[in-house]
Amino acid sequence: MRDRVRSCGLVAVLFAAVWIVMAAAPITAQAQEEITLAYDEIGRQQIPENCSTWHELSPNFCQDHHQDDYIDNGDGHVSACDFILLNGMWYHIEAVRDIPGGGIEIDCVRVDAIEEPPEPLPPPIPVPADCVIWHEVAPEFCLFEHQDGYVDNGDGVISECDYILLDGIWYHVLVVSHDPSTGQTYVGLVEEEPPQDEHELEHTGPPVPPNCSDWHETWPEFCSALHQGDYVDNGDGVVSECDYIQLDGIWYHITGVYQEELPSGDWLTRITVVEEDPPVGEQELEHIGPPVPPDCSSWHELWPAFCTNLHQGGYIDNGDGVVSECDYIQLEGIWYHITYVYQEELPSGDWLTRIQVVRAEEEHRAAAEVETALPPDCIMWHELAPDFCTFLHQDGYVDNGDGEISVCDYIKLEGVWYHIIAVYYTESRDGRVLVEISLSEPMAGAPESIDSSWGRIKSEFR
């Protein structure tokens, strides 16, 4: 909910802390006077000492610059909005990038000479402990709110992209400011819950980072470095939603992507991920046409082999007359089990159908229409796998005591006993019940006597 914007000031417990906003000194950028510099002895987490030498990359490659002074923006490391004095001239740092193997690059803009450099920022205010009281300034002035929780973005201070829980409602911190005359810190908030199990990361380098790349985490553990161990593409050949990436041995599902080509030729890639293993044997497909695609339809694969076309050779409905979970579809001669369905009617009158399927395992499965709680002997079961469309005669049945077809029953088909290991019920439109069962390996002999105590216990609660 981004329609509820609020502004809160912190009460006196933190008023003593002073956070001075960058002075509004007479600093103006000169037209297009930009340079790119490199420093190869440290990373961005350290600020080079004065008298360090920077190497210019552009526009004058390999020219050296002497660092006379440095003004940090308050975060304690080399970052955008710092000022650096090189060869007697002040520059404003616009962007910072890591150099593979060590070192940093910075993009700078020349600023006019100033009589006094801007005042450096004192240390920011640490994240307040829970139970602090906040004083609302707008829209309801003088309302006091209790801090119930706080989610830091990883930098350890009150800053943008933190989340705060006030009187039981979560808010996203959009802006932070400080009034040095009163010592009060203000935050602008919008009602929004913190992301659940979500991570945001960035990488500078090739547009498709290879394995062994290092990703820089920006949320929730700011500045953590994560090693890319593996990558599963969704088939389009680029970093995009529905790819999977392995970082420090853990698999993540990519849910959001932003990419931008930098002046250096590298690509800035930002991704949002949630922890999730890549699907094993799962495929995603789509079809545009009738709501129930007939045989000989062509399905367009989305995952993992993007843009592959698959021919529909057969279809087994679960009895409801529509495309739904637990149907079976034959594509390119292979049977698949449908695990997820999304359908939408298009303005053209056609239907967009998206399905997720898994290849039908080579197990023994059979289905039958059953009118009673337990199947009577002599009914015919329709084999689904491994020999589709074979009919099996039921010679015997041993119930586990619960009075219905369920796991741990035994069934005798064509003279062979099987143990039922899974059961699926589906009711058709005309009220008939279709039962699908998964069977164990053939048993060596008849089942032993079954203790029906569990069945009697369950019957008490039906």
Protein backbone atom coordinates (compact mmCIF):
# COMPACT_ATOMS: atom_id res chain seq x y z
CA MET A 1 0.00 0.00 0.00
CA ARG A 2 1.91 2.99 -1.28
CA ASP A 3 -0.89 5.53 -0.79
CA ARG A 4 -0.22 6.17 2.88
CA VAL A 5 2.86 8.35 3.25
CA ARG A 6 3.90 9.48 6.70
CA SER A 7 6.66 11.48 8.36
CA CYS A 8 7.91 10.72 11.85
CA GLY A 9 10.51 12.34 14.08
CA LEU A 10 12.47 10.45 16.71
CA VAL A 11 11.91 11.49 20.33
CA ALA A 12 14.52 12.91 22.67
CA VAL A 13 16.28 9.61 23.33
CA LEU A 14 18.10 10.18 20.03
CA PHE A 15 17.92 13.96 19.79
CA ALA A 16 21.46 14.27 21.09
CA ALA A 17 22.82 12.50 18.05
CA VAL A 18 23.72 15.03 15.35
CA TRP A 19 23.60 14.18 11.66
CA ILE A 20 24.42 17.25 9.59
CA VAL A 21 23.15 17.26 6.02
CA MET A 22 25.77 18.04 3.40
CA ALA A 23 26.36 21.82 3.44
CA ALA A 24 24.75 23.78 0.65
CA ALA A 25 28.08 25.23 -0.43
CA PRO A 26 28.41 27.10 -3.71
CA ILE A 27 29.34 23.99 -5.70
CA THR A 28 28.38 23.77 -9.34
CA ALA A 29 29.56 21.20 -11.87
CA GLN A 30 31.44 22.50 -14.84
CA ALA A 31 30.01 21.43 -18.16
CA GLN A 32 30.94 17.86 -19.11
CA GLU A 33 34.25 17.93 -17.22
CA GLU A 34 34.17 14.25 -16.28
CA ILE A 35 37.01 11.83 -15.65
CA THR A 36 37.26 8.14 -14.76
CA LEU A 37 39.99 7.11 -12.33
CA ALA A 38 41.31 3.85 -10.94
CA TYR A 39 42.99 2.96 -7.64
CA ASP A 40 44.27 -0.61 -7.48
CA GLU A 41 45.52 -0.96 -3.92
CA ILE A 42 42.27 -1.14 -1.93
CA GLY A 43 38.57 -1.84 -2.33
CA ARG A 44 35.65 0.53 -1.91
CA GLN A 45 35.44 -0.29 1.81
CA GLN A 46 38.52 1.86 2.50
CA ILE A 47 39.23 5.50 1.72
CA PRO A 48 42.70 6.07 0.23
CA GLU A 49 45.01 8.18 2.36
CA ASN A 50 45.93 11.65 1.18
CA CYS A 51 49.01 11.67 -1.07
CA SER A 52 47.73 8.53 -2.82
CA THR A 53 48.08 8.37 -6.60
CA TRP A 54 45.06 7.77 -8.86
CA HIS A 55 45.42 6.59 -12.46
CA GLU A 56 43.17 8.21 -15.05
CA LEU A 57 41.37 5.84 -17.43
CA SER A 58 39.51 8.43 -19.48
CA PRO A 59 39.65 10.79 -21.20
CA ASN A 60 43.48 10.87 -20.75
CA PHE A 61 44.55 7.27 -20.25
CA CYS A 62 47.38 6.63 -17.76
CA GLN A 63 47.71 10.19 -16.45
CA ASP A 64 48.44 10.24 -12.69
CA HIS A 65 46.57 12.40 -10.17
CA HIS A 66 47.74 13.26 -6.65
CA GLN A 67 45.11 13.06 -3.90
CA ASP A 68 45.34 16.21 -1.75
CA ASP A 69 42.21 15.76 0.34
CA TYR A 70 39.04 13.68 0.64
CA ILE A 71 35.56 14.49 2.01
CA ASP A 72 33.48 11.43 2.91
CA ASN A 73 29.66 11.55 2.77
CA GLY A 74 29.47 9.85 6.13
CA ASP A 75 29.25 6.18 5.21
CA GLY A 76 32.95 5.54 5.84
CA HIS A 77 33.93 4.22 2.41
CA VAL A 78 34.42 5.35 -1.19
CA SER A 79 30.94 5.93 -2.62
CA ALA A 80 28.85 8.32 -4.67
CA CYS A 81 28.50 11.87 -3.26
CA ASP A 82 32.01 11.91 -1.76
CA PHE A 83 34.38 14.76 -2.77
CA ILE A 84 38.03 14.28 -3.71
CA LEU A 85 40.74 16.94 -4.21
CA LEU A 86 43.11 15.97 -7.02
CA ASN A 87 46.03 18.16 -8.07
CA GLY A 88 44.38 21.11 -6.30
CA MET A 89 40.96 20.64 -7.99
CA TRP A 90 37.80 19.37 -6.35
CA TYR A 91 35.78 16.56 -7.94
CA HIS A 92 32.39 15.09 -7.04
CA ILE A 93 32.27 11.26 -7.16
CA GLU A 94 29.29 10.11 -9.24
CA ALA A 95 29.74 6.32 -9.32
CA VAL A 96 32.03 3.61 -7.91
CA ARG A 97 32.81 0.16 -9.38
CA ASP A 98 34.91 -2.76 -8.19
CA ILE A 99 37.81 -3.92 -10.38
CA PRO A 100 38.00 -7.71 -10.78
CA GLY A 101 41.04 -8.89 -8.87
CA GLY A 102 41.11 -5.83 -6.59
CA GLY A 103 40.87 -2.07 -6.69
CA ILE A 104 38.14 0.38 -7.64
CA GLU A 105 37.12 2.73 -10.45
CA ILE A 106 35.34 6.04 -9.87
CA ASP A 107 33.52 8.42 -12.19
CA CYS A 108 34.06 12.06 -11.14
CA VAL A 109 32.73 15.48 -12.18
CA ARG A 110 34.86 18.59 -11.72
CA VAL A 111 33.32 21.18 -9.37
CA ASP A 112 34.10 24.87 -9.07
CA ALA A 113 36.73 25.95 -6.59
CA ILE A 114 35.31 26.64 -3.14
CA GLU A 115 36.75 28.68 -0.34
CA GLU A 116 36.00 25.97 2.22
CA PRO A 117 35.26 22.31 1.49
CA PRO A 118 31.88 20.96 2.61
CA GLU A 119 31.70 19.77 6.18
CA PRO A 120 32.01 15.98 6.48
CA LEU A 121 29.01 14.16 7.90
CA PRO A 122 29.23 12.88 11.47
CA PRO A 123 28.42 9.17 11.93
CA PRO A 124 24.78 8.35 11.09
CA ILE A 125 22.32 7.34 13.81
CA PRO A 126 22.35 3.64 14.71
CA VAL A 127 19.18 1.58 14.33
CA PRO A 128 16.97 2.36 17.37
CA ALA A 129 16.06 -0.42 19.74
CA ASP A 130 12.47 -1.66 19.84
CA CYS A 131 10.10 0.09 22.27
CA VAL A 132 11.38 3.54 21.23
CA ILE A 133 8.53 6.04 20.83
CA TRP A 134 8.26 7.97 17.55
CA HIS A 135 6.51 11.36 17.27
CA GLU A 136 4.40 11.63 14.13
CA VAL A 137 4.74 14.96 12.31
CA ALA A 138 2.43 14.33 9.34
CA PRO A 139 -0.31 13.67 8.49
CA GLU A 140 -1.38 13.49 12.18
CA PHE A 141 0.84 15.88 14.11
CA CYS A 142 1.82 14.94 17.65
CA LEU A 143 0.65 11.32 17.49
CA PHE A 144 3.01 9.04 19.41
CA GLU A 145 3.73 5.60 17.96
CA HIS A 146 5.48 2.63 19.53
CA GLN A 147 8.28 0.88 17.62
CA ASP A 148 7.50 -2.86 17.67
CA GLY A 149 10.16 -4.04 15.21
CA TYR A 150 12.84 -2.90 12.77
CA VAL A 151 14.40 -4.50 9.68
CA ASP A 152 17.70 -2.90 8.76
CA ASN A 153 18.94 -2.88 5.16
CA GLY A 154 22.29 -4.10 6.42
CA ASP A 155 24.22 -0.86 6.94
CA GLY A 156 23.45 -0.70 10.68
CA VAL A 157 21.99 2.84 10.65
CA ILE A 158 18.65 4.53 10.01
CA SER A 159 18.60 4.88 6.23
CA GLU A 160 16.51 4.43 3.11
CA CYS A 161 15.15 0.93 2.44
CA ASP A 162 14.88 0.06 6.13
CA TYR A 163 11.52 -1.21 7.42
CA ILE A 164 9.97 -0.18 10.72
CA LEU A 165 6.99 -1.61 12.62
CA LEU A 166 4.96 1.12 14.35
CA ASP A 167 1.90 0.22 16.41
CA GLY A 168 1.66 -3.10 14.59
CA ILE A 169 1.91 -1.68 11.04
CA TRP A 170 5.00 -2.09 8.80
CA TYR A 171 6.41 0.93 6.96
CA HIS A 172 9.16 1.31 4.34
CA VAL A 173 11.67 4.11 5.04
CA LEU A 174 11.82 6.26 1.89
CA VAL A 175 13.87 9.24 3.07
CA VAL A 176 15.89 10.24 6.14
CA SER A 177 16.78 13.82 7.13
CA HIS A 178 18.12 15.66 10.15
CA ASP A 179 17.49 19.11 11.57
CA PRO A 180 20.78 20.26 13.16
CA SER A 181 19.07 23.17 14.89
CA THR A 182 16.83 20.86 16.95
CA GLY A 183 18.81 17.61 16.80
CA GLN A 184 15.76 15.76 15.51
CA THR A 185 15.90 13.00 12.91
CA TYR A 186 12.98 12.69 10.48
CA VAL A 187 11.95 9.73 8.34
CA GLY A 188 9.47 9.62 5.49
CA LEU A 189 7.46 6.40 5.48
CA VAL A 190 5.09 4.51 3.23
CA GLU A 191 2.96 1.62 4.48
CA GLU A 192 4.56 -1.56 3.14
CA GLU A 193 5.57 -4.90 4.61
CA PRO A 194 9.21 -5.99 4.35
CA PRO A 195 9.97 -8.58 1.66
CA GLN A 196 9.79 -12.15 2.87
CA ASP A 197 12.95 -14.20 2.36
CA GLU A 198 13.96 -11.88 -0.48
CA HIS A 199 17.50 -10.88 -1.41
CA GLU A 200 18.69 -8.11 -3.70
CA LEU A 201 22.11 -8.36 -5.34
CA GLU A 202 24.17 -6.61 -7.97
CA HIS A 203 27.07 -7.52 -10.25
CA THR A 204 29.27 -5.46 -12.55
CA GLY A 205 30.80 -7.28 -15.50
CA PRO A 206 29.51 -9.33 -18.46
CA PRO A 207 25.74 -9.19 -19.18
CA VAL A 208 25.53 -12.91 -18.29
CA PRO A 209 27.86 -13.37 -15.30
CA PRO A 210 29.81 -16.64 -15.57
CA ASN A 211 30.17 -19.13 -12.73
CA CYS A 212 32.71 -18.07 -10.09
CA SER A 213 31.47 -14.46 -10.33
CA ASP A 214 31.01 -12.56 -7.07
CA TRP A 215 27.68 -10.84 -6.39
CA HIS A 216 27.36 -7.86 -4.05
CA GLU A 217 24.32 -8.17 -1.76
CA THR A 218 22.39 -4.94 -1.23
CA TRP A 219 19.50 -6.41 0.78
CA PRO A 220 19.13 -7.54 3.52
CA GLU A 221 22.87 -8.05 4.28
CA PHE A 222 24.35 -4.92 2.74
CA CYS A 223 27.78 -5.45 1.16
CA SER A 224 27.96 -9.22 1.65
CA ALA A 225 29.84 -10.97 -1.16
CA LEU A 226 28.22 -14.14 -2.56
CA HIS A 227 30.01 -16.58 -4.88
CA GLN A 228 28.13 -17.85 -7.95
CA GLY A 229 28.57 -21.60 -8.12
CA ASP A 230 26.08 -22.50 -10.84
CA TYR A 231 23.32 -21.07 -13.04
CA VAL A 232 20.21 -22.53 -14.71
CA ASP A 233 18.89 -20.43 -17.59
CA ASN A 234 15.21 -20.50 -18.53
CA GLY A 235 16.23 -20.92 -22.13
CA ASP A 236 16.30 -17.31 -23.40
CA GLY A 237 20.08 -16.97 -23.02
CA VAL A 238 20.00 -13.84 -20.82
CA VAL A 239 19.62 -13.06 -17.12
CA SER A 240 15.84 -12.92 -16.65
CA GLU A 241 12.98 -13.87 -14.38
CA CYS A 242 12.59 -17.61 -13.77
CA ASP A 243 16.31 -18.31 -14.02
CA TYR A 244 17.94 -20.05 -11.06
CA ILE A 245 21.29 -19.09 -9.52
CA GLN A 246 23.42 -20.88 -6.92
CA LEU A 247 25.12 -18.53 -4.46
CA ASP A 248 27.41 -19.84 -1.72
CA GLY A 249 25.96 -23.32 -2.29
CA ILE A 250 22.29 -22.25 -1.98
CA TRP A 251 19.87 -22.15 -4.92
CA TYR A 252 17.75 -19.05 -5.56
CA HIS A 253 14.90 -18.27 -7.98
CA ILE A 254 15.32 -14.94 -9.82
CA THR A 255 12.11 -12.90 -9.53
CA GLY A 256 13.27 -9.50 -10.81
CA VAL A 257 16.05 -8.20 -13.10
CA TYR A 258 17.42 -4.76 -13.98
CA GLN A 259 20.37 -4.30 -16.36
CA GLU A 260 22.22 -1.23 -17.63
CA GLU A 261 25.27 -0.92 -19.85
CA LEU A 262 27.89 1.33 -18.24
CA PRO A 263 30.21 3.74 -20.08
CA SER A 264 33.07 1.33 -19.37
CA GLY A 265 31.35 -1.36 -21.45
CA ASP A 266 30.55 -3.50 -18.42
CA TRP A 267 26.99 -4.25 -17.45
CA LEU A 268 25.38 -3.44 -14.11
CA THR A 269 23.04 -6.32 -13.27
CA ARG A 270 20.66 -6.11 -10.30
CA ILE A 271 18.53 -9.12 -9.38
CA THR A 272 15.91 -9.96 -6.79
CA VAL A 273 15.94 -13.58 -5.64
CA VAL A 274 14.15 -15.90 -3.23
CA GLU A 275 15.58 -19.14 -1.91
CA GLU A 276 14.22 -22.00 -4.01
CA ASP A 277 15.67 -25.12 -5.60
CA PRO A 278 15.36 -25.35 -9.39
CA PRO A 279 12.59 -27.68 -10.53
CA VAL A 280 13.66 -31.25 -11.18
CA GLY A 281 12.13 -32.60 -14.34
CA GLU A 282 9.56 -29.79 -14.52
CA GLN A 283 8.56 -28.11 -17.77
CA GLU A 284 6.38 -25.07 -18.44
CA LEU A 285 4.38 -24.80 -21.65
CA GLU A 286 1.71 -22.59 -23.18
CA HIS A 287 -0.95 -22.96 -25.87
CA ILE A 288 -3.29 -20.45 -27.53
CA GLY A 289 -6.52 -21.85 -28.93
CA PRO A 290 -9.51 -23.77 -27.56
CA PRO A 291 -9.81 -24.03 -23.75
CA VAL A 292 -9.27 -27.80 -24.06
CA PRO A 293 -6.56 -28.22 -26.74
CA PRO A 294 -7.33 -31.21 -28.99
CA ASP A 295 -4.79 -33.84 -29.99
CA CYS A 296 -2.36 -32.64 -32.66
CA SER A 297 -2.16 -29.23 -30.99
CA SER A 298 1.28 -27.65 -30.74
CA TRP A 299 2.53 -26.50 -27.33
CA HIS A 300 5.18 -23.80 -26.94
CA GLU A 301 7.73 -24.65 -24.23
CA LEU A 302 8.70 -21.80 -21.89
CA TRP A 303 10.98 -23.73 -19.54
CA PRO A 304 13.63 -25.10 -19.63
CA ALA A 305 14.01 -25.22 -23.44
CA PHE A 306 12.53 -21.84 -24.36
CA CYS A 307 10.67 -21.70 -27.70
CA THR A 308 10.66 -25.46 -28.35
CA ASN A 309 7.42 -26.69 -29.95
CA LEU A 310 5.91 -29.98 -28.71
CA HIS A 311 3.21 -32.01 -30.47
CA GLN A 312 0.25 -33.24 -28.41
CA GLY A 313 -0.34 -36.90 -29.18
CA GLY A 314 -2.83 -37.83 -26.44
CA TYR A 315 -4.70 -36.57 -23.40
CA ILE A 316 -6.24 -38.22 -20.33
CA ASP A 317 -8.75 -36.07 -18.45
CA ASN A 318 -9.21 -36.57 -14.71
CA GLY A 319 -12.96 -36.48 -15.19
CA ASP A 320 -13.80 -32.78 -14.81
CA GLY A 321 -13.84 -32.06 -18.55
CA VAL A 322 -11.31 -29.20 -18.40
CA VAL A 323 -7.55 -28.82 -18.37
CA SER A 324 -6.64 -29.18 -14.70
CA GLU A 325 -4.14 -30.65 -12.26
CA CYS A 326 -3.82 -34.46 -12.38
CA ASP A 327 -4.63 -34.66 -16.09
CA TYR A 328 -2.10 -36.45 -18.30
CA ILE A 329 -0.82 -35.19 -21.64
CA GLN A 330 1.33 -36.92 -24.25
CA LEU A 331 3.92 -34.66 -25.87
CA GLU A 332 6.27 -35.95 -28.55
CA GLY A 333 5.32 -39.50 -27.56
CA ILE A 334 6.10 -39.03 -23.83
CA TRP A 335 3.44 -38.93 -21.12
CA TYR A 336 3.46 -36.06 -18.61
CA HIS A 337 1.49 -35.37 -15.44
CA ILE A 338 -0.02 -31.85 -15.25
CA THR A 339 0.78 -30.24 -11.89
CA TYR A 340 -0.37 -26.62 -12.46
CA VAL A 341 -2.77 -24.83 -14.82
CA TYR A 342 -3.41 -21.14 -15.61
CA GLN A 343 -6.02 -20.11 -18.19
CA GLU A 344 -7.17 -16.73 -19.48
CA GLU A 345 -9.62 -15.84 -22.23
CA LEU A 346 -8.04 -13.42 -24.71
CA PRO A 347 -9.85 -10.55 -26.50
CA SER A 348 -9.66 -12.62 -29.70
CA GLY A 349 -11.85 -15.32 -28.12
CA ASP A 350 -8.98 -17.81 -27.92
CA TRP A 351 -7.73 -19.11 -24.59
CA LEU A 352 -4.20 -18.78 -23.25
CA THR A 353 -3.38 -22.01 -21.41
CA ARG A 354 -0.17 -22.35 -19.39
CA ILE A 355 0.69 -25.66 -17.73
CA GLN A 356 3.49 -27.10 -15.66
CA VAL A 357 4.18 -30.78 -16.22
CA VAL A 358 6.47 -33.47 -14.89
CA ARG A 359 7.37 -36.56 -16.80
CA ALA A 360 5.24 -39.48 -15.64
CA GLU A 361 7.45 -41.76 -13.61
CA GLU A 362 7.83 -45.35 -14.69
CA GLU A 363 5.68 -46.60 -11.85
CA HIS A 364 2.60 -48.77 -11.94
CA ARG A 365 -0.57 -46.64 -11.98
CA ALA A 366 -4.12 -47.56 -12.73
CA ALA A 367 -7.52 -45.85 -12.69
CA ALA A 368 -11.14 -46.96 -12.43
CA GLU A 369 -14.62 -45.54 -11.93
CA VAL A 370 -15.84 -46.77 -8.55
CA GLU A 371 -19.45 -46.48 -7.34
CA THR A 372 -18.85 -47.89 -3.86
CA ALA A 373 -16.41 -47.10 -1.06
CA LEU A 374 -14.39 -50.24 -1.81
CA PRO A 375 -13.96 -51.62 -5.32
CA PRO A 376 -15.76 -54.94 -5.87
CA ASP A 377 -13.91 -57.84 -7.38
CA CYS A 378 -14.17 -58.34 -11.13
CA ILE A 379 -14.14 -54.63 -11.99
CA MET A 380 -11.68 -53.58 -14.67
CA TRP A 381 -8.88 -51.12 -13.94
CA HIS A 382 -7.45 -48.97 -16.73
CA GLU A 383 -3.63 -49.01 -16.59
CA LEU A 384 -2.02 -45.59 -17.00
CA ALA A 385 1.64 -46.57 -16.68
CA PRO A 386 3.83 -48.15 -17.70
CA ASP A 387 1.52 -49.74 -20.33
CA PHE A 388 -1.08 -47.14 -21.12
CA CYS A 389 -4.57 -48.42 -21.99
CA THR A 390 -4.08 -51.99 -20.77
CA PHE A 391 -7.10 -53.32 -18.84
CA LEU A 392 -6.48 -55.17 -15.57
CA HIS A 393 -9.00 -57.49 -13.87
CA GLN A 394 -9.39 -57.13 -10.10
CA ASP A 395 -9.20 -60.57 -8.48
CA GLY A 396 -9.10 -59.54 -4.83
CA TYR A 397 -8.90 -56.65 -2.36
CA VAL A 398 -7.78 -56.33 1.28
CA ASP A 399 -8.86 -53.16 3.11
CA ASN A 400 -6.69 -51.66 5.87
CA GLY A 401 -9.77 -51.29 8.03
CA ASP A 402 -10.93 -47.74 7.21
CA GLY A 403 -13.63 -48.89 4.78
CA GLU A 404 -12.40 -46.97 1.73
CA ILE A 405 -9.72 -47.08 -0.95
CA SER A 406 -6.62 -45.66 0.74
CA VAL A 407 -2.92 -46.05 1.24
CA CYS A 408 -1.89 -49.40 2.76
CA ASP A 409 -4.71 -51.34 1.15
CA TYR A 410 -3.80 -54.36 -1.02
CA ILE A 411 -5.21 -55.15 -4.44
CA LYS A 412 -4.89 -58.23 -6.67
CA LEU A 413 -4.79 -57.48 -10.40
CA GLU A 414 -4.45 -60.23 -13.03
CA GLY A 415 -3.42 -62.68 -10.31
CA VAL A 416 -0.69 -60.45 -8.78
CA TRP A 417 -0.92 -58.71 -5.38
CA TYR A 418 0.13 -55.07 -5.04
CA HIS A 419 0.42 -52.64 -2.12
CA ILE A 420 -1.39 -49.31 -2.75
CA ILE A 421 1.08 -46.49 -2.06
CA ALA A 422 -0.93 -43.45 -3.28
CA VAL A 423 -4.58 -42.64 -4.03
CA TYR A 424 -6.18 -39.73 -5.95
CA TYR A 425 -9.93 -39.10 -6.11
CA THR A 426 -11.66 -37.00 -8.76
CA GLU A 427 -15.41 -36.47 -9.16
CA SER A 428 -16.72 -36.00 -12.69
CA ARG A 429 -19.55 -33.67 -13.67
CA ASP A 430 -22.12 -36.47 -13.67
CA GLY A 431 -21.19 -37.49 -10.13
CA ARG A 432 -19.06 -40.50 -11.00
CA VAL A 433 -15.88 -40.94 -8.99
CA LEU A 434 -12.61 -41.66 -10.78
CA VAL A 435 -9.96 -43.23 -8.56
CA GLU A 436 -6.29 -43.37 -9.54
CA ILE A 437 -3.93 -45.57 -7.55
CA SER A 438 -0.17 -45.99 -7.52
CA LEU A 439 1.09 -49.50 -6.87
CA SER A 440 4.16 -51.00 -5.32
CA GLU A 441 6.34 -53.58 -6.98
CA PRO A 442 4.52 -56.93 -7.38
CA MET A 443 4.40 -58.85 -4.10
CA ALA A 444 5.80 -62.37 -3.78
CA GLY A 445 2.58 -63.71 -2.29
CA ALA A 446 -0.72 -62.83 -0.67
CA PRO A 447 -0.64 -60.10 2.03
CA GLU A 448 -0.58 -61.18 5.64
CA SER A 449 -3.44 -60.43 7.99
CA ILE A 450 -3.72 -56.65 8.48
CA ASP A 451 -4.16 -55.14 11.93
CA SER A 452 -7.17 -52.96 11.33
CA SER A 453 -6.85 -50.92 14.55
CA TRP A 454 -5.77 -47.83 12.62
CA GLY A 455 -8.77 -48.12 10.36
CA ARG A 456 -11.08 -48.45 13.37
CA ILE A 457 -9.50 -45.38 14.97
CA LYS A 458 -9.98 -43.31 11.81
CA SER A 459 -13.60 -44.49 11.50
CA GLU A 460 -14.35 -42.92 14.89
CA PHE A 461 -13.57 -39.47 13.49
CA ARG A 462 -15.37 -39.72 10.16
